Each structure stands twice: as structure tokens, then as C-alpha cells.
Amino acid sequence: MIEGEGDPSAAGQRLDAGLLRELGVGEAQATLLQFSSAFCAPCRAVRRVSSEVAALVPGVQHVEVDAESHLDAVRALGIWRTPTLLVLDAEGRVAKRATGVPGKPQLIAALGDVL
């Protein structure tokens, strides 16, 4: 399910550049920033869908972060469950936030709003 309005982390908040670097986010037109945990079956599905979409859409990168290894970032970003996927624009602003497993068409549509 892709969410947006009413969620402070999805309302155009620009994430700290240092935090993004720490999480492994490089320069790209759009980033699919996925927070996962070790024994999370839906996380594997999100990884597959996000990787496929990043390979299909030019200028998009997929970065997966182990939530347990980055607790400060998880708390700062209000990540309450895994998987959580943040769609970031080139400036590091959160355009959309998805919890659970988004479908490929939903993800491509969310990127269309960013690119």
C-alpha cells in the first residue's frame, strides 16, 4: 500500500544528506530506500519488486537497509515495521512511503510522480 498524505515522513521532508550517505544512498534521480529485517518474508518480496523496477526505470536506484543495524535512522524516520519503502527524489525528499509489499505498477506510478 503506497501512502503519502498525512504522514510527516512522506510530506516532502528532505532527509539529511549525511544520514542518506550513511545508509548507502548515492546520487540518483530517484531512490527506493527499503528498510528490512532478517526474518521478514515480505521484505524479500519488496526487494525483488524494487530491484526489478530499478532495473526497468532509468535513473532509479534501490537501496536496502537492515533496520536492526540502523536503529537511530529507523527512529528518526519513524519506521515502525518492516518492510517500509521510502521513495526519494533526487534532492533526498520523501515523495511516497509504502508499508507492506507494493505492486510493481504502484511503484512505477509512484516513481512517475518523482521523475
PDB file of N, CA and C in Angstrom:
ATOM      1  N   MET A   1       0.850  -1.166   0.000  1.00  0.00           N
ATOM      2  CA  MET A   1       0.000   0.000   0.000  1.00  0.00           C
ATOM      3  C   MET A   1       0.899   1.233   0.000  1.00  0.00           C
ATOM      4  N   ILE A   2       0.722   2.125  -0.951  1.00  0.00           N
ATOM      5  CA  ILE A   2       1.514   3.338  -1.023  1.00  0.00           C
ATOM      6  C   ILE A   2       0.733   4.436  -0.320  1.00  0.00           C
ATOM      7  N   GLU A   3       1.408   5.083   0.606  1.00  0.00           N
ATOM      8  CA  GLU A   3       0.777   6.131   1.391  1.00  0.00           C
ATOM      9  C   GLU A   3       1.448   7.452   1.046  1.00  0.00           C
ATOM     10  N   GLY A   4       0.877   8.552   1.461  1.00  0.00           N
ATOM     11  CA  GLY A   4       1.501   9.825   1.185  1.00  0.00           C
ATOM     12  C   GLY A   4       1.028  10.910   2.104  1.00  0.00           C
ATOM     13  N   GLU A   5      -0.211  11.305   1.946  1.00  0.00           N
ATOM     14  CA  GLU A   5      -0.709  12.435   2.704  1.00  0.00           C
ATOM     15  C   GLU A   5      -0.936  12.067   4.165  1.00  0.00           C
ATOM     16  N   GLY A   6      -0.685  13.027   5.053  1.00  0.00           N
ATOM     17  CA  GLY A   6      -0.910  12.809   6.468  1.00  0.00           C
ATOM     18  C   GLY A   6       0.251  12.129   7.168  1.00  0.00           C
ATOM     19  N   ASP A   7       1.251  11.716   6.440  1.00  0.00           N
ATOM     20  CA  ASP A   7       2.415  11.051   7.006  1.00  0.00           C
ATOM     21  C   ASP A   7       3.580  12.034   6.941  1.00  0.00           C
ATOM     22  N   PRO A   8       4.081  12.509   8.093  1.00  0.00           N
ATOM     23  CA  PRO A   8       5.114  13.539   8.056  1.00  0.00           C
ATOM     24  C   PRO A   8       6.371  13.116   7.311  1.00  0.00           C
ATOM     25  N   SER A   9       6.683  11.828   7.288  1.00  0.00           N
ATOM     26  CA  SER A   9       7.884  11.416   6.575  1.00  0.00           C
ATOM     27  C   SER A   9       7.643  11.304   5.073  1.00  0.00           C
ATOM     28  N   ALA A  10       6.425  11.497   4.618  1.00  0.00           N
ATOM     29  CA  ALA A  10       6.136  11.415   3.191  1.00  0.00           C
ATOM     30  C   ALA A  10       5.623  12.739   2.637  1.00  0.00           C
ATOM     31  N   ALA A  11       5.727  13.788   3.426  1.00  0.00           N
ATOM     32  CA  ALA A  11       5.155  15.076   3.020  1.00  0.00           C
ATOM     33  C   ALA A  11       6.216  16.023   2.470  1.00  0.00           C
ATOM     34  N   GLY A  12       7.186  15.476   1.752  1.00  0.00           N
ATOM     35  CA  GLY A  12       8.203  16.323   1.154  1.00  0.00           C
ATOM     36  C   GLY A  12       9.360  16.626   2.077  1.00  0.00           C
ATOM     37  N   GLN A  13       9.457  15.934   3.195  1.00  0.00           N
ATOM     38  CA  GLN A  13      10.568  16.151   4.116  1.00  0.00           C
ATOM     39  C   GLN A  13      11.874  15.783   3.418  1.00  0.00           C
ATOM     40  N   ARG A  14      12.845  16.670   3.462  1.00  0.00           N
ATOM     41  CA  ARG A  14      14.155  16.383   2.884  1.00  0.00           C
ATOM     42  C   ARG A  14      14.996  15.710   3.954  1.00  0.00           C
ATOM     43  N   LEU A  15      15.486  14.533   3.650  1.00  0.00           N
ATOM     44  CA  LEU A  15      16.285  13.786   4.611  1.00  0.00           C
ATOM     45  C   LEU A  15      17.708  14.326   4.637  1.00  0.00           C
ATOM     46  N   ASP A  16      18.336  14.219   5.792  1.00  0.00           N
ATOM     47  CA  ASP A  16      19.694  14.705   5.985  1.00  0.00           C
ATOM     48  C   ASP A  16      20.645  13.987   5.036  1.00  0.00           C
ATOM     49  N   ALA A  17      21.468  14.753   4.320  1.00  0.00           N
ATOM     50  CA  ALA A  17      22.396  14.176   3.340  1.00  0.00           C
ATOM     51  C   ALA A  17      23.381  13.219   4.013  1.00  0.00           C
ATOM     52  N   GLY A  18      23.825  13.543   5.217  1.00  0.00           N
ATOM     53  CA  GLY A  18      24.735  12.663   5.941  1.00  0.00           C
ATOM     54  C   GLY A  18      24.083  11.341   6.293  1.00  0.00           C
ATOM     55  N   LEU A  19      22.827  11.389   6.685  1.00  0.00           N
ATOM     56  CA  LEU A  19      22.081  10.175   7.000  1.00  0.00           C
ATOM     57  C   LEU A  19      21.936   9.316   5.754  1.00  0.00           C
ATOM     58  N   LEU A  20      21.622   9.941   4.625  1.00  0.00           N
ATOM     59  CA  LEU A  20      21.470   9.190   3.380  1.00  0.00           C
ATOM     60  C   LEU A  20      22.780   8.513   2.989  1.00  0.00           C
ATOM     61  N   ARG A  21      23.896   9.238   3.117  1.00  0.00           N
ATOM     62  CA  ARG A  21      25.207   8.637   2.809  1.00  0.00           C
ATOM     63  C   ARG A  21      25.483   7.454   3.731  1.00  0.00           C
ATOM     64  N   GLU A  22      25.173   7.620   5.011  1.00  0.00           N
ATOM     65  CA  GLU A  22      25.382   6.552   5.991  1.00  0.00           C
ATOM     66  C   GLU A  22      24.580   5.304   5.626  1.00  0.00           C
ATOM     67  N   LEU A  23      23.405   5.496   5.051  1.00  0.00           N
ATOM     68  CA  LEU A  23      22.551   4.382   4.665  1.00  0.00           C
ATOM     69  C   LEU A  23      22.928   3.788   3.307  1.00  0.00           C
ATOM     70  N   GLY A  24      23.884   4.420   2.614  1.00  0.00           N
ATOM     71  CA  GLY A  24      24.343   3.896   1.331  1.00  0.00           C
ATOM     72  C   GLY A  24      23.638   4.464   0.123  1.00  0.00           C
ATOM     73  N   VAL A  25      22.922   5.558   0.294  1.00  0.00           N
ATOM     74  CA  VAL A  25      22.206   6.184  -0.819  1.00  0.00           C
ATOM     75  C   VAL A  25      23.166   7.082  -1.586  1.00  0.00           C
ATOM     76  N   GLY A  26      23.323   6.800  -2.877  1.00  0.00           N
ATOM     77  CA  GLY A  26      24.155   7.628  -3.747  1.00  0.00           C
ATOM     78  C   GLY A  26      23.288   8.585  -4.546  1.00  0.00           C
ATOM     79  N   GLU A  27      23.926   9.281  -5.470  1.00  0.00           N
ATOM     80  CA  GLU A  27      23.178  10.224  -6.307  1.00  0.00           C
ATOM     81  C   GLU A  27      22.363   9.452  -7.342  1.00  0.00           C
ATOM     82  N   ALA A  28      21.112   9.843  -7.478  1.00  0.00           N
ATOM     83  CA  ALA A  28      20.215   9.247  -8.469  1.00  0.00           C
ATOM     84  C   ALA A  28      19.022  10.170  -8.639  1.00  0.00           C
ATOM     85  N   GLN A  29      18.312  10.013  -9.745  1.00  0.00           N
ATOM     86  CA  GLN A  29      17.099  10.802  -9.956  1.00  0.00           C
ATOM     87  C   GLN A  29      16.026  10.414  -8.956  1.00  0.00           C
ATOM     88  N   ALA A  30      16.010   9.136  -8.571  1.00  0.00           N
ATOM     89  CA  ALA A  30      15.061   8.642  -7.575  1.00  0.00           C
ATOM     90  C   ALA A  30      15.691   7.438  -6.879  1.00  0.00           C
ATOM     91  N   THR A  31      15.324   7.269  -5.616  1.00  0.00           N
ATOM     92  CA  THR A  31      15.842   6.155  -4.826  1.00  0.00           C
ATOM     93  C   THR A  31      14.690   5.430  -4.151  1.00  0.00           C
ATOM     94  N   LEU A  32      14.727   4.120  -4.222  1.00  0.00           N
ATOM     95  CA  LEU A  32      13.807   3.269  -3.473  1.00  0.00           C
ATOM     96  C   LEU A  32      14.596   2.811  -2.250  1.00  0.00           C
ATOM     97  N   LEU A  33      14.311   3.429  -1.101  1.00  0.00           N
ATOM     98  CA  LEU A  33      15.037   3.148   0.141  1.00  0.00           C
ATOM     99  C   LEU A  33      14.204   2.188   0.979  1.00  0.00           C
ATOM    100  N   GLN A  34      14.660   0.947   1.072  1.00  0.00           N
ATOM    101  CA  GLN A  34      13.907  -0.115   1.724  1.00  0.00           C
ATOM    102  C   GLN A  34      14.513  -0.439   3.083  1.00  0.00           C
ATOM    103  N   PHE A  35      13.659  -0.466   4.110  1.00  0.00           N
ATOM    104  CA  PHE A  35      14.057  -0.899   5.448  1.00  0.00           C
ATOM    105  C   PHE A  35      13.523  -2.307   5.655  1.00  0.00           C
ATOM    106  N   SER A  36      14.432  -3.238   5.962  1.00  0.00           N
ATOM    107  CA  SER A  36      14.099  -4.652   6.095  1.00  0.00           C
ATOM    108  C   SER A  36      14.641  -5.188   7.408  1.00  0.00           C
ATOM    109  N   SER A  37      14.210  -6.398   7.740  1.00  0.00           N
ATOM    110  CA  SER A  37      14.775  -7.116   8.874  1.00  0.00           C
ATOM    111  C   SER A  37      15.063  -8.556   8.446  1.00  0.00           C
ATOM    112  N   ALA A  38      15.906  -9.225   9.208  1.00  0.00           N
ATOM    113  CA  ALA A  38      16.471 -10.517   8.798  1.00  0.00           C
ATOM    114  C   ALA A  38      15.428 -11.587   8.496  1.00  0.00           C
ATOM    115  N   PHE A  39      14.422 -11.750   9.330  1.00  0.00           N
ATOM    116  CA  PHE A  39      13.490 -12.866   9.167  1.00  0.00           C
ATOM    117  C   PHE A  39      12.140 -12.417   8.625  1.00  0.00           C
ATOM    118  N   CYS A  40      12.162 -11.419   7.777  1.00  0.00           N
ATOM    119  CA  CYS A  40      10.938 -10.813   7.242  1.00  0.00           C
ATOM    120  C   CYS A  40      10.695 -11.345   5.828  1.00  0.00           C
ATOM    121  N   ALA A  41       9.708 -12.235   5.681  1.00  0.00           N
ATOM    122  CA  ALA A  41       9.392 -12.785   4.363  1.00  0.00           C
ATOM    123  C   ALA A  41       8.912 -11.718   3.376  1.00  0.00           C
ATOM    124  N   PRO A  42       8.022 -10.796   3.789  1.00  0.00           N
ATOM    125  CA  PRO A  42       7.603  -9.759   2.838  1.00  0.00           C
ATOM    126  C   PRO A  42       8.760  -8.869   2.379  1.00  0.00           C
ATOM    127  N   CYS A  43       9.801  -8.747   3.198  1.00  0.00           N
ATOM    128  CA  CYS A  43      10.961  -7.933   2.806  1.00  0.00           C
ATOM    129  C   CYS A  43      11.611  -8.487   1.539  1.00  0.00           C
ATOM    130  N   ARG A  44      11.653  -9.804   1.425  1.00  0.00           N
ATOM    131  CA  ARG A  44      12.236 -10.423   0.229  1.00  0.00           C
ATOM    132  C   ARG A  44      11.404 -10.084  -1.009  1.00  0.00           C
ATOM    133  N   ALA A  45      10.083 -10.052  -0.856  1.00  0.00           N
ATOM    134  CA  ALA A  45       9.215  -9.695  -1.981  1.00  0.00           C
ATOM    135  C   ALA A  45       9.424  -8.242  -2.388  1.00  0.00           C
ATOM    136  N   VAL A  46       9.559  -7.354  -1.397  1.00  0.00           N
ATOM    137  CA  VAL A  46       9.801  -5.938  -1.705  1.00  0.00           C
ATOM    138  C   VAL A  46      11.153  -5.779  -2.379  1.00  0.00           C
ATOM    139  N   ARG A  47      12.162  -6.513  -1.916  1.00  0.00           N
ATOM    140  CA  ARG A  47      13.495  -6.467  -2.533  1.00  0.00           C
ATOM    141  C   ARG A  47      13.395  -6.853  -4.010  1.00  0.00           C
ATOM    142  N   ARG A  48      12.664  -7.929  -4.299  1.00  0.00           N
ATOM    143  CA  ARG A  48      12.528  -8.398  -5.679  1.00  0.00           C
ATOM    144  C   ARG A  48      11.827  -7.357  -6.546  1.00  0.00           C
ATOM    145  N   VAL A  49      10.683  -6.861  -6.077  1.00  0.00           N
ATOM    146  CA  VAL A  49       9.912  -5.881  -6.852  1.00  0.00           C
ATOM    147  C   VAL A  49      10.720  -4.595  -7.043  1.00  0.00           C
ATOM    148  N   SER A  50      11.337  -4.102  -5.987  1.00  0.00           N
ATOM    149  CA  SER A  50      12.102  -2.847  -6.066  1.00  0.00           C
ATOM    150  C   SER A  50      13.306  -2.990  -6.988  1.00  0.00           C
ATOM    151  N   SER A  51      13.994  -4.121  -6.908  1.00  0.00           N
ATOM    152  CA  SER A  51      15.146  -4.349  -7.790  1.00  0.00           C
ATOM    153  C   SER A  51      14.724  -4.405  -9.247  1.00  0.00           C
ATOM    154  N   GLU A  52      13.605  -5.078  -9.508  1.00  0.00           N
ATOM    155  CA  GLU A  52      13.099  -5.162 -10.878  1.00  0.00           C
ATOM    156  C   GLU A  52      12.717  -3.783 -11.406  1.00  0.00           C
ATOM    157  N   VAL A  53      12.040  -2.996 -10.586  1.00  0.00           N
ATOM    158  CA  VAL A  53      11.626  -1.650 -11.010  1.00  0.00           C
ATOM    159  C   VAL A  53      12.860  -0.772 -11.234  1.00  0.00           C
ATOM    160  N   ALA A  54      13.854  -0.848 -10.335  1.00  0.00           N
ATOM    161  CA  ALA A  54      15.071  -0.049 -10.501  1.00  0.00           C
ATOM    162  C   ALA A  54      15.807  -0.431 -11.786  1.00  0.00           C
ATOM    163  N   ALA A  55      15.766  -1.706 -12.152  1.00  0.00           N
ATOM    164  CA  ALA A  55      16.408  -2.149 -13.389  1.00  0.00           C
ATOM    165  C   ALA A  55      15.629  -1.690 -14.624  1.00  0.00           C
ATOM    166  N   LEU A  56      14.313  -1.542 -14.487  1.00  0.00           N
ATOM    167  CA  LEU A  56      13.450  -1.134 -15.604  1.00  0.00           C
ATOM    168  C   LEU A  56      13.464   0.367 -15.860  1.00  0.00           C
ATOM    169  N   VAL A  57      13.538   1.152 -14.797  1.00  0.00           N
ATOM    170  CA  VAL A  57      13.358   2.602 -14.907  1.00  0.00           C
ATOM    171  C   VAL A  57      14.720   3.300 -14.798  1.00  0.00           C
ATOM    172  N   PRO A  58      15.178   3.954 -15.861  1.00  0.00           N
ATOM    173  CA  PRO A  58      16.474   4.635 -15.824  1.00  0.00           C
ATOM    174  C   PRO A  58      16.521   5.712 -14.740  1.00  0.00           C
ATOM    175  N   GLY A  59      17.665   5.816 -14.073  1.00  0.00           N
ATOM    176  CA  GLY A  59      17.869   6.851 -13.068  1.00  0.00           C
ATOM    177  C   GLY A  59      17.390   6.485 -11.676  1.00  0.00           C
ATOM    178  N   VAL A  60      16.916   5.233 -11.503  1.00  0.00           N
ATOM    179  CA  VAL A  60      16.377   4.808 -10.209  1.00  0.00           C
ATOM    180  C   VAL A  60      17.336   3.805  -9.575  1.00  0.00           C
ATOM    181  N   GLN A  61      17.615   4.006  -8.287  1.00  0.00           N
ATOM    182  CA  GLN A  61      18.418   3.047  -7.543  1.00  0.00           C
ATOM    183  C   GLN A  61      17.588   2.457  -6.411  1.00  0.00           C
ATOM    184  N   HIS A  62      17.924   1.228  -6.053  1.00  0.00           N
ATOM    185  CA  HIS A  62      17.284   0.547  -4.922  1.00  0.00           C
ATOM    186  C   HIS A  62      18.353   0.325  -3.867  1.00  0.00           C
ATOM    187  N   VAL A  63      18.074   0.786  -2.649  1.00  0.00           N
ATOM    188  CA  VAL A  63      18.996   0.613  -1.524  1.00  0.00           C
ATOM    189  C   VAL A  63      18.224  -0.070  -0.409  1.00  0.00           C
ATOM    190  N   GLU A  64      18.747  -1.207   0.036  1.00  0.00           N
ATOM    191  CA  GLU A  64      18.108  -1.932   1.136  1.00  0.00           C
ATOM    192  C   GLU A  64      18.943  -1.754   2.390  1.00  0.00           C
ATOM    193  N   VAL A  65      18.266  -1.431   3.497  1.00  0.00           N
ATOM    194  CA  VAL A  65      18.915  -1.160   4.778  1.00  0.00           C
ATOM    195  C   VAL A  65      18.381  -2.158   5.805  1.00  0.00           C
ATOM    196  N   ASP A  66      19.298  -2.754   6.562  1.00  0.00           N
ATOM    197  CA  ASP A  66      18.914  -3.620   7.671  1.00  0.00           C
ATOM    198  C   ASP A  66      18.482  -2.721   8.833  1.00  0.00           C
ATOM    199  N   ALA A  67      17.198  -2.742   9.136  1.00  0.00           N
ATOM    200  CA  ALA A  67      16.649  -1.844  10.162  1.00  0.00           C
ATOM    201  C   ALA A  67      17.326  -2.042  11.516  1.00  0.00           C
ATOM    202  N   GLU A  68      17.624  -3.273  11.865  1.00  0.00           N
ATOM    203  CA  GLU A  68      18.221  -3.560  13.173  1.00  0.00           C
ATOM    204  C   GLU A  68      19.630  -2.989  13.309  1.00  0.00           C
ATOM    205  N   SER A  69      20.325  -2.826  12.191  1.00  0.00           N
ATOM    206  CA  SER A  69      21.688  -2.282  12.215  1.00  0.00           C
ATOM    207  C   SER A  69      21.703  -0.756  12.167  1.00  0.00           C
ATOM    208  N   HIS A  70      20.557  -0.147  11.934  1.00  0.00           N
ATOM    209  CA  HIS A  70      20.473   1.319  11.791  1.00  0.00           C
ATOM    210  C   HIS A  70      19.324   1.861  12.638  1.00  0.00           C
ATOM    211  N   LEU A  71      19.329   1.528  13.921  1.00  0.00           N
ATOM    212  CA  LEU A  71      18.207   1.901  14.796  1.00  0.00           C
ATOM    213  C   LEU A  71      18.026   3.408  14.923  1.00  0.00           C
ATOM    214  N   ASP A  72      19.117   4.180  14.935  1.00  0.00           N
ATOM    215  CA  ASP A  72      18.976   5.634  15.018  1.00  0.00           C
ATOM    216  C   ASP A  72      18.223   6.179  13.805  1.00  0.00           C
ATOM    217  N   ALA A  73      18.562   5.700  12.627  1.00  0.00           N
ATOM    218  CA  ALA A  73      17.884   6.147  11.407  1.00  0.00           C
ATOM    219  C   ALA A  73      16.426   5.695  11.420  1.00  0.00           C
ATOM    220  N   VAL A  74      16.184   4.468  11.859  1.00  0.00           N
ATOM    221  CA  VAL A  74      14.823   3.939  11.931  1.00  0.00           C
ATOM    222  C   VAL A  74      13.964   4.815  12.831  1.00  0.00           C
ATOM    223  N   ARG A  75      14.491   5.175  13.975  1.00  0.00           N
ATOM    224  CA  ARG A  75      13.738   6.035  14.905  1.00  0.00           C
ATOM    225  C   ARG A  75      13.528   7.428  14.308  1.00  0.00           C
ATOM    226  N   ALA A  76      14.581   7.989  13.729  1.00  0.00           N
ATOM    227  CA  ALA A  76      14.491   9.342  13.160  1.00  0.00           C
ATOM    228  C   ALA A  76      13.462   9.422  12.037  1.00  0.00           C
ATOM    229  N   LEU A  77      13.322   8.334  11.296  1.00  0.00           N
ATOM    230  CA  LEU A  77      12.418   8.336  10.145  1.00  0.00           C
ATOM    231  C   LEU A  77      11.038   7.761  10.456  1.00  0.00           C
ATOM    232  N   GLY A  78      10.828   7.344  11.690  1.00  0.00           N
ATOM    233  CA  GLY A  78       9.519   6.823  12.067  1.00  0.00           C
ATOM    234  C   GLY A  78       9.185   5.502  11.404  1.00  0.00           C
ATOM    235  N   ILE A  79      10.181   4.655  11.232  1.00  0.00           N
ATOM    236  CA  ILE A  79       9.957   3.335  10.644  1.00  0.00           C
ATOM    237  C   ILE A  79       9.473   2.424  11.765  1.00  0.00           C
ATOM    238  N   TRP A  80       8.234   1.971  11.704  1.00  0.00           N
ATOM    239  CA  TRP A  80       7.637   1.173  12.770  1.00  0.00           C
ATOM    240  C   TRP A  80       7.558  -0.296  12.439  1.00  0.00           C
ATOM    241  N   ARG A  81       7.664  -0.636  11.155  1.00  0.00           N
ATOM    242  CA  ARG A  81       7.597  -2.042  10.768  1.00  0.00           C
ATOM    243  C   ARG A  81       8.384  -2.263   9.494  1.00  0.00           C
ATOM    244  N   THR A  82       8.713  -3.508   9.266  1.00  0.00           N
ATOM    245  CA  THR A  82       9.378  -3.853   8.022  1.00  0.00           C
ATOM    246  C   THR A  82       8.469  -4.810   7.258  1.00  0.00           C
ATOM    247  N   PRO A  83       8.465  -4.693   5.956  1.00  0.00           N
ATOM    248  CA  PRO A  83       9.220  -3.754   5.153  1.00  0.00           C
ATOM    249  C   PRO A  83       8.552  -2.377   5.083  1.00  0.00           C
ATOM    250  N   THR A  84       9.386  -1.357   5.050  1.00  0.00           N
ATOM    251  CA  THR A  84       8.941   0.000   4.752  1.00  0.00           C
ATOM    252  C   THR A  84       9.817   0.499   3.619  1.00  0.00           C
ATOM    253  N   LEU A  85       9.195   1.092   2.618  1.00  0.00           N
ATOM    254  CA  LEU A  85       9.892   1.579   1.438  1.00  0.00           C
ATOM    255  C   LEU A  85       9.625   3.069   1.302  1.00  0.00           C
ATOM    256  N   LEU A  86      10.694   3.850   1.248  1.00  0.00           N
ATOM    257  CA  LEU A  86      10.585   5.289   1.007  1.00  0.00           C
ATOM    258  C   LEU A  86      11.000   5.567  -0.429  1.00  0.00           C
ATOM    259  N   VAL A  87      10.200   6.334  -1.140  1.00  0.00           N
ATOM    260  CA  VAL A  87      10.539   6.762  -2.496  1.00  0.00           C
ATOM    261  C   VAL A  87      11.086   8.179  -2.370  1.00  0.00           C
ATOM    262  N   LEU A  88      12.374   8.338  -2.695  1.00  0.00           N
ATOM    263  CA  LEU A  88      13.044   9.632  -2.559  1.00  0.00           C
ATOM    264  C   LEU A  88      13.284  10.251  -3.924  1.00  0.00           C
ATOM    265  N   ASP A  89      13.178  11.570  -3.996  1.00  0.00           N
ATOM    266  CA  ASP A  89      13.525  12.263  -5.233  1.00  0.00           C
ATOM    267  C   ASP A  89      15.031  12.543  -5.243  1.00  0.00           C
ATOM    268  N   ALA A  90      15.505  13.225  -6.269  1.00  0.00           N
ATOM    269  CA  ALA A  90      16.944  13.491  -6.422  1.00  0.00           C
ATOM    270  C   ALA A  90      17.501  14.364  -5.300  1.00  0.00           C
ATOM    271  N   GLU A  91      16.629  15.137  -4.651  1.00  0.00           N
ATOM    272  CA  GLU A  91      17.059  16.027  -3.573  1.00  0.00           C
ATOM    273  C   GLU A  91      17.033  15.340  -2.212  1.00  0.00           C
ATOM    274  N   GLY A  92      16.592  14.077  -2.175  1.00  0.00           N
ATOM    275  CA  GLY A  92      16.509  13.361  -0.905  1.00  0.00           C
ATOM    276  C   GLY A  92      15.226  13.619  -0.138  1.00  0.00           C
ATOM    277  N   ARG A  93      14.211  14.141  -0.844  1.00  0.00           N
ATOM    278  CA  ARG A  93      12.897  14.352  -0.216  1.00  0.00           C
ATOM    279  C   ARG A  93      12.056  13.087  -0.349  1.00  0.00           C
ATOM    280  N   VAL A  94      11.305  12.791   0.705  1.00  0.00           N
ATOM    281  CA  VAL A  94      10.410  11.635   0.673  1.00  0.00           C
ATOM    282  C   VAL A  94       9.167  12.014  -0.127  1.00  0.00           C
ATOM    283  N   ALA A  95       8.967  11.319  -1.240  1.00  0.00           N
ATOM    284  CA  ALA A  95       7.797  11.573  -2.076  1.00  0.00           C
ATOM    285  C   ALA A  95       6.648  10.648  -1.703  1.00  0.00           C
ATOM    286  N   LYS A  96       6.972   9.400  -1.400  1.00  0.00           N
ATOM    287  CA  LYS A  96       5.961   8.407  -1.034  1.00  0.00           C
ATOM    288  C   LYS A  96       6.560   7.462  -0.005  1.00  0.00           C
ATOM    289  N   ARG A  97       5.666   6.802   0.713  1.00  0.00           N
ATOM    290  CA  ARG A  97       6.070   5.811   1.709  1.00  0.00           C
ATOM    291  C   ARG A  97       5.149   4.608   1.546  1.00  0.00           C
ATOM    292  N   ALA A  98       5.736   3.428   1.476  1.00  0.00           N
ATOM    293  CA  ALA A  98       4.957   2.199   1.343  1.00  0.00           C
ATOM    294  C   ALA A  98       5.307   1.266   2.486  1.00  0.00           C
ATOM    295  N   THR A  99       4.279   0.703   3.119  1.00  0.00           N
ATOM    296  CA  THR A  99       4.487  -0.354   4.096  1.00  0.00           C
ATOM    297  C   THR A  99       3.864  -1.605   3.502  1.00  0.00           C
ATOM    298  N   GLY A 100       4.455  -2.736   3.784  1.00  0.00           N
ATOM    299  CA  GLY A 100       3.987  -3.954   3.150  1.00  0.00           C
ATOM    300  C   GLY A 100       4.614  -4.080   1.776  1.00  0.00           C
ATOM    301  N   VAL A 101       3.977  -4.844   0.917  1.00  0.00           N
ATOM    302  CA  VAL A 101       4.541  -5.137  -0.401  1.00  0.00           C
ATOM    303  C   VAL A 101       3.752  -4.400  -1.481  1.00  0.00           C
ATOM    304  N   PRO A 102       4.333  -3.332  -2.049  1.00  0.00           N
ATOM    305  CA  PRO A 102       3.642  -2.641  -3.143  1.00  0.00           C
ATOM    306  C   PRO A 102       3.747  -3.454  -4.429  1.00  0.00           C
ATOM    307  N   GLY A 103       2.768  -3.311  -5.285  1.00  0.00           N
ATOM    308  CA  GLY A 103       2.829  -3.950  -6.591  1.00  0.00           C
ATOM    309  C   GLY A 103       3.754  -3.162  -7.505  1.00  0.00           C
ATOM    310  N   LYS A 104       4.257  -3.830  -8.515  1.00  0.00           N
ATOM    311  CA  LYS A 104       5.156  -3.172  -9.471  1.00  0.00           C
ATOM    312  C   LYS A 104       4.478  -1.971 -10.137  1.00  0.00           C
ATOM    313  N   PRO A 105       3.198  -2.077 -10.571  1.00  0.00           N
ATOM    314  CA  PRO A 105       2.550  -0.907 -11.181  1.00  0.00           C
ATOM    315  C   PRO A 105       2.432   0.274 -10.204  1.00  0.00           C
ATOM    316  N   GLN A 106       2.140  -0.016  -8.923  1.00  0.00           N
ATOM    317  CA  GLN A 106       2.053   1.058  -7.915  1.00  0.00           C
ATOM    318  C   GLN A 106       3.399   1.760  -7.775  1.00  0.00           C
ATOM    319  N   LEU A 107       4.462   0.971  -7.739  1.00  0.00           N
ATOM    320  CA  LEU A 107       5.790   1.525  -7.550  1.00  0.00           C
ATOM    321  C   LEU A 107       6.214   2.366  -8.751  1.00  0.00           C
ATOM    322  N   ILE A 108       5.930   1.874  -9.926  1.00  0.00           N
ATOM    323  CA  ILE A 108       6.261   2.639 -11.145  1.00  0.00           C
ATOM    324  C   ILE A 108       5.468   3.939 -11.181  1.00  0.00           C
ATOM    325  N   ALA A 109       4.201   3.886 -10.778  1.00  0.00           N
ATOM    326  CA  ALA A 109       3.377   5.102 -10.734  1.00  0.00           C
ATOM    327  C   ALA A 109       3.934   6.099  -9.719  1.00  0.00           C
ATOM    328  N   ALA A 110       4.370   5.607  -8.563  1.00  0.00           N
ATOM    329  CA  ALA A 110       4.940   6.486  -7.537  1.00  0.00           C
ATOM    330  C   ALA A 110       6.211   7.139  -8.058  1.00  0.00           C
ATOM    331  N   LEU A 111       7.009   6.405  -8.802  1.00  0.00           N
ATOM    332  CA  LEU A 111       8.231   6.976  -9.389  1.00  0.00           C
ATOM    333  C   LEU A 111       7.898   7.992 -10.459  1.00  0.00           C
ATOM    334  N   GLY A 112       6.794   7.767 -11.159  1.00  0.00           N
ATOM    335  CA  GLY A 112       6.374   8.722 -12.198  1.00  0.00           C
ATOM    336  C   GLY A 112       6.119  10.106 -11.636  1.00  0.00           C
ATOM    337  N   ASP A 113       5.702  10.173 -10.379  1.00  0.00           N
ATOM    338  CA  ASP A 113       5.482  11.456  -9.721  1.00  0.00           C
ATOM    339  C   ASP A 113       6.789  12.141  -9.349  1.00  0.00           C
ATOM    340  N   VAL A 114       7.874  11.370  -9.282  1.00  0.00           N
ATOM    341  CA  VAL A 114       9.175  11.885  -8.839  1.00  0.00           C
ATOM    342  C   VAL A 114      10.062  12.245 -10.030  1.00  0.00           C
ATOM    343  N   LEU A 115      10.014  11.432 -11.073  1.00  0.00           N
ATOM    344  CA  LEU A 115      10.924  11.621 -12.225  1.00  0.00           C
ATOM    345  C   LEU A 115      10.430  12.658 -13.197  1.00  0.00           C
TER     346      LEU A 115
END
